[in-house]
Amino acid sequence: MDSHNPSKMPPLLLILPLFTLGLYGTMVNGFETGYFSILTATSGNLDNDPYVPGGPEPFDPRYTGSKALDTRMGILIGFFSGLINGERTWDVDLAYVWTMGMFFSGWALLSVEAHRRANRGRVVSWTNTFGNIVQSFSYALTIPSYLILHIFTTSPTTDDVSVPEGEVRHLPLSMTLAYIVPAVIMSLPTPSIIPAKLHYDITALWQIFPVLQFFIHRAMNIVCFPRAPRADNTTRTPKGVGKSLANHYRFVIFTAAVVHLPILLVSLTPASMAFGPVWLREMITQTTYNNVFVPYGVWSPPAVDLAKVAALGGENKADLSWLPGLTKHFLHYDIGCPTLAMVVWAGYNYRAVIGNGCGVGAGKMVAWLLAGGPVALATVLMWERDERLLRVIEGRKAQ
C-alpha cells in the first residue's frame, strides 16, 4: 500500500470557505431577506393563529406542550410545507428533489462513521447527535464542522475502518424507513391526496428522522443480530465486513444517481427538444442547468417585499408566492456547500491511503460526478480507501 500522511491543511483550507459560504447563504441571507421573519410570523406564530403560507388548513404545530419546542417545530414544518404547497415552478420542484436526495445520500455516507471500530468512543461516532443538530440548525453548518472534526481526530492510514457486519447490513432499510418514506409522504399534494393534518404530522415526524433511524436500526440489530459471546469476533473478518460495507456504498451511490442523473438530463435538455406528456414538456421548458443547480449569489438573493413581511400577522395572510424561491435559495447553499465539502473530505482520506498508487482515475471520477453528483464521487473514493485498508488487514491475518 502506497500510503503517506498528507497535511491536514489543504482540506481544511478548502472546507472552511465552503463552510463560510454555506453560513452566509443560509443564515445571513435568511435574516437579510426577511425569510426567517416570514416563518416566525406565520408557522412559528403560536401566540395567534399559526399558518403555512400557501398551505392547507388546519395547521396546528402544538405537539409537545413546550412553547419553545413547538415554535421551533412550527417553523421547520412551515419551511418544508411552504415549499411543497406554495406556488412553484418545475425548477423549484427539481431543486427540492435534488437537494433532498443529496441530503439523504450524504447522510447515508457519513452514517457509516458511527459504526467503525476505530471510531468507538470518539465524538465522530455520534452521527445521530449531529443529525439532530442538522435538523435544529442547518446542514451547511453542521456537516463541514463534522468533517473538520473527523479529519483532525482520525488517522486515515492506521485506523481500523472495519465495522461489525450487522451494524451496516440494515442501515439502508432503517434509513429508508426513517427518512425516505416520511419524505415521500410529506411531499404528496394536499389535500388532494393526503389530508392537511396528516401532511403536517408526517412533516413533523420527518424532522426527527435521526432519532427514528437510531431506534429502527437498533431494533433490527437486536432481532437479526442478537449479541452473543464472541459475536464481535466472528463478524470481524475483512471479507465479511468488506461485503457489508460494499453493499451499503452501493446503496448510497444508487440513491444519489437515481435522483441526480434524471434531473441533470432534464435540465440539460433544450426547451426546443421538449417531448413526452404535458407534464414532462413543461418540466423541460421550465428548467435549465442554471435555475436547477446554480444558486443566486449570496450578494443577490431573491427579492422580497419587506412591506408584506412587516404586515404579516393576525388575519393578514398575504400571498407570498415568492416564498418557494427563497426556500430554493436556502437549500442550494444548505445542501450544496456541505456536499462539496464531503468530496474534499473523501479525497483527503483516499489520497492518504492510495497516495500516488493506482486508484480511481480522473476519467472515472468525472463519470461518477456526472452520474451521481458529488455524493456519489465521495462514496466511490471512500469505498476505494476502505477496500485498500481491508485488504491490508486480511493480508496481515494471513501471515
Foldseek 3Di string as FASTA:
>chain_A
DPFAADDPVVLVVVQVVLLVQLCLLAVVLCVVQCVLLLLCLAQLPQVAQHDAFQADDDDDQPDPVDSVVSSLLSSQLSLVRNQLRFQDALLLVLLVLLLLLLVLLLLLLQQLLLFFPQCVPPPSNVSLVLLLVCLRPFLSNSLSVSLSVCSVPDGLAPGRRFGQLLQQQCLVVLSCVLAVVLVVVLNDDPPVPPHRVVNSVSSSSNSSSSVSSVVVSVVSCCVPPNDDPCSSVVRRQLVSRLVSLVVSLVSSLVSLLVSQQVSQVLQPDALVPQDDDPVSNSSSPRHHCCSNQNADRSVCQDHDDVVLSVPRHDPDSDNDNCSSSSSSSSSNSRRVSSLQSLLSSLVSSLCNHQPPHDDQDPVNLVVSCNRRNSSNSSSRSNSRSSVSSSVVVNVVVVD
